[in-house]
C-alpha atoms as a PDB file:
ATOM      1  CA  VAL A   1       2.495 -15.048   2.412  1.00  0.00           C
ATOM      2  CA  TYR A   2      -0.455 -14.288   4.678  1.00  0.00           C
ATOM      3  CA  LEU A   3      -0.090 -10.555   4.097  1.00  0.00           C
ATOM      4  CA  ILE A   4      -0.075 -11.036   0.335  1.00  0.00           C
ATOM      5  CA  VAL A   5      -3.231 -13.123   0.442  1.00  0.00           C
ATOM      6  CA  PHE A   6      -4.901 -10.684   2.825  1.00  0.00           C
ATOM      7  CA  PHE A   7      -4.153  -7.608   0.721  1.00  0.00           C
ATOM      8  CA  VAL A   8      -5.142  -9.263  -2.541  1.00  0.00           C
ATOM      9  CA  LEU A   9      -8.459 -10.333  -1.073  1.00  0.00           C
ATOM     10  CA  LEU A  10      -8.897  -6.936   0.533  1.00  0.00           C
ATOM     11  CA  SER A  11      -8.371  -5.113  -2.753  1.00  0.00           C
ATOM     12  CA  GLY A  12     -11.243  -6.932  -4.361  1.00  0.00           C
ATOM     13  CA  PHE A  13     -10.000 -10.210  -5.756  1.00  0.00           C
ATOM     14  CA  PHE A  14     -13.483 -11.622  -6.149  1.00  0.00           C
ATOM     15  CA  HIS A  15     -15.008  -8.580  -7.846  1.00  0.00           C
ATOM     16  CA  PRO A  16     -13.442  -9.222 -11.295  1.00  0.00           C
ATOM     17  CA  LEU A  17     -14.478 -12.868 -11.091  1.00  0.00           C
ATOM     18  CA  ILE A  18     -18.104 -11.958 -10.456  1.00  0.00           C
ATOM     19  CA  THR A  19     -18.376  -9.119 -12.991  1.00  0.00           C
ATOM     20  CA  ASN A  20     -16.119 -10.618 -15.716  1.00  0.00           C
ATOM     21  CA  THR A  21     -13.831  -7.571 -15.800  1.00  0.00           C
ATOM     22  CA  ASN A  22     -10.054  -7.224 -15.840  1.00  0.00           C
ATOM     23  CA  PHE A  23      -7.787  -7.946 -12.900  1.00  0.00           C
ATOM     24  CA  ASP A  24      -6.105  -4.527 -13.282  1.00  0.00           C
ATOM     25  CA  VAL A  25      -8.012  -3.248 -10.263  1.00  0.00           C
ATOM     26  CA  VAL A  26      -6.583  -6.042  -8.126  1.00  0.00           C
ATOM     27  CA  VAL A  27      -3.015  -5.371  -9.261  1.00  0.00           C
ATOM     28  CA  ILE A  28      -3.280  -1.614  -8.707  1.00  0.00           C
ATOM     29  CA  GLY A  29      -4.984  -2.045  -5.336  1.00  0.00           C
ATOM     30  CA  SER A  30      -2.368  -4.532  -4.167  1.00  0.00           C
ATOM     31  CA  PHE A  31       0.438  -2.203  -5.264  1.00  0.00           C
ATOM     32  CA  VAL A  32      -1.044   0.743  -3.381  1.00  0.00           C
ATOM     33  CA  LEU A  33      -1.541  -1.310  -0.237  1.00  0.00           C
ATOM     34  CA  PHE A  34       2.005  -2.663  -0.350  1.00  0.00           C
ATOM     35  CA  VAL A  35       3.430   0.854  -0.732  1.00  0.00           C
ATOM     36  CA  GLY A  36       1.513   1.866   2.401  1.00  0.00           C
ATOM     37  CA  LEU A  37       2.664  -1.283   4.194  1.00  0.00           C
ATOM     38  CA  ALA A  38       6.290  -0.521   3.329  1.00  0.00           C
ATOM     39  CA  GLY A  39       5.824   2.978   4.755  1.00  0.00           C
ATOM     40  CA  GLY A  40       4.403   1.544   7.953  1.00  0.00           C
ATOM     41  CA  ILE A  41       7.315  -0.871   8.269  1.00  0.00           C
ATOM     42  CA  LEU A  42       9.780   1.986   7.822  1.00  0.00           C
ATOM     43  CA  LEU A  43       8.009   3.980  10.528  1.00  0.00           C
ATOM     44  CA  TYR A  44       8.306   0.985  12.829  1.00  0.00           C
ATOM     45  CA  LYS A  45      12.008   0.727  11.983  1.00  0.00           C
ATOM     46  CA  ALA A  46      12.363   4.415  12.856  1.00  0.00           C
ATOM     47  CA  SER A  47      10.978   3.763  16.312  1.00  0.00           C
ATOM     48  CA  ILE A  48      13.462   0.978  17.081  1.00  0.00           C
ATOM     49  CA  SER A  49      16.547   2.249  15.233  1.00  0.00           C
ATOM     50  CA  ASP A  50      19.196   4.372  16.884  1.00  0.00           C
ATOM     51  CA  THR A  51      21.365   5.397  13.950  1.00  0.00           C
ATOM     52  CA  LYS A  52      19.115   6.022  10.915  1.00  0.00           C
ATOM     53  CA  ARG A  53      15.995   7.223  12.669  1.00  0.00           C
ATOM     54  CA  GLU A  54      15.467  10.355  10.537  1.00  0.00           C
ATOM     55  CA  ILE A  55      15.934   8.518   7.244  1.00  0.00           C
ATOM     56  CA  PHE A  56      13.447   5.783   8.160  1.00  0.00           C
ATOM     57  CA  PHE A  57      11.000   8.363   9.495  1.00  0.00           C
ATOM     58  CA  ALA A  58      11.107  10.515   6.361  1.00  0.00           C
ATOM     59  CA  ALA A  59      10.988   7.561   3.972  1.00  0.00           C
ATOM     60  CA  GLY A  60       8.085   5.980   5.873  1.00  0.00           C
ATOM     61  CA  PHE A  61       5.959   9.095   5.764  1.00  0.00           C
ATOM     62  CA  ALA A  62       6.897   9.648   2.115  1.00  0.00           C
ATOM     63  CA  LEU A  63       5.719   6.156   1.171  1.00  0.00           C
ATOM     64  CA  ILE A  64       2.497   6.559   3.130  1.00  0.00           C
ATOM     65  CA  GLY A  65       1.940   9.913   1.395  1.00  0.00           C
ATOM     66  CA  ILE A  66       2.549   8.320  -1.995  1.00  0.00           C
ATOM     67  CA  SER A  67       0.074   5.579  -1.128  1.00  0.00           C
ATOM     68  CA  ILE A  68      -2.564   8.139  -0.150  1.00  0.00           C
ATOM     69  CA  TYR A  69      -1.910  10.043  -3.381  1.00  0.00           C
ATOM     70  CA  PHE A  70      -2.393   6.847  -5.411  1.00  0.00           C
ATOM     71  CA  ILE A  71      -5.651   6.152  -3.582  1.00  0.00           C
ATOM     72  CA  TYR A  72      -7.039   9.618  -4.340  1.00  0.00           C
ATOM     73  CA  GLU A  73      -5.731   9.519  -7.907  1.00  0.00           C
ATOM     74  CA  TYR A  74      -7.328   6.154  -8.543  1.00  0.00           C
ATOM     75  CA  ALA A  75     -10.591   7.278  -6.985  1.00  0.00           C
ATOM     76  CA  GLY A  76     -10.557  10.371  -9.224  1.00  0.00           C
ATOM     77  CA  ARG A  77     -11.070  12.902  -6.465  1.00  0.00           C
ATOM     78  CA  TYR A  78      -7.699  14.637  -6.437  1.00  0.00           C
END
């Protein structure tokens, strides 16, 4: 619950309230941050797992790469 609140506030929860715009930015930002968080968790699982280390490692970096792609795509610089 604390992570959800932290990421929603981090992605600009108060900005749409102040500027009277849509909350789409908050939803997209939260989604991108959670994809990166899932990648980080999978990388942690790769460091402590003995059997599926390669799968966790590849999936973790893939999710972090997807998160970075979404960030650049949303920023319009890619």
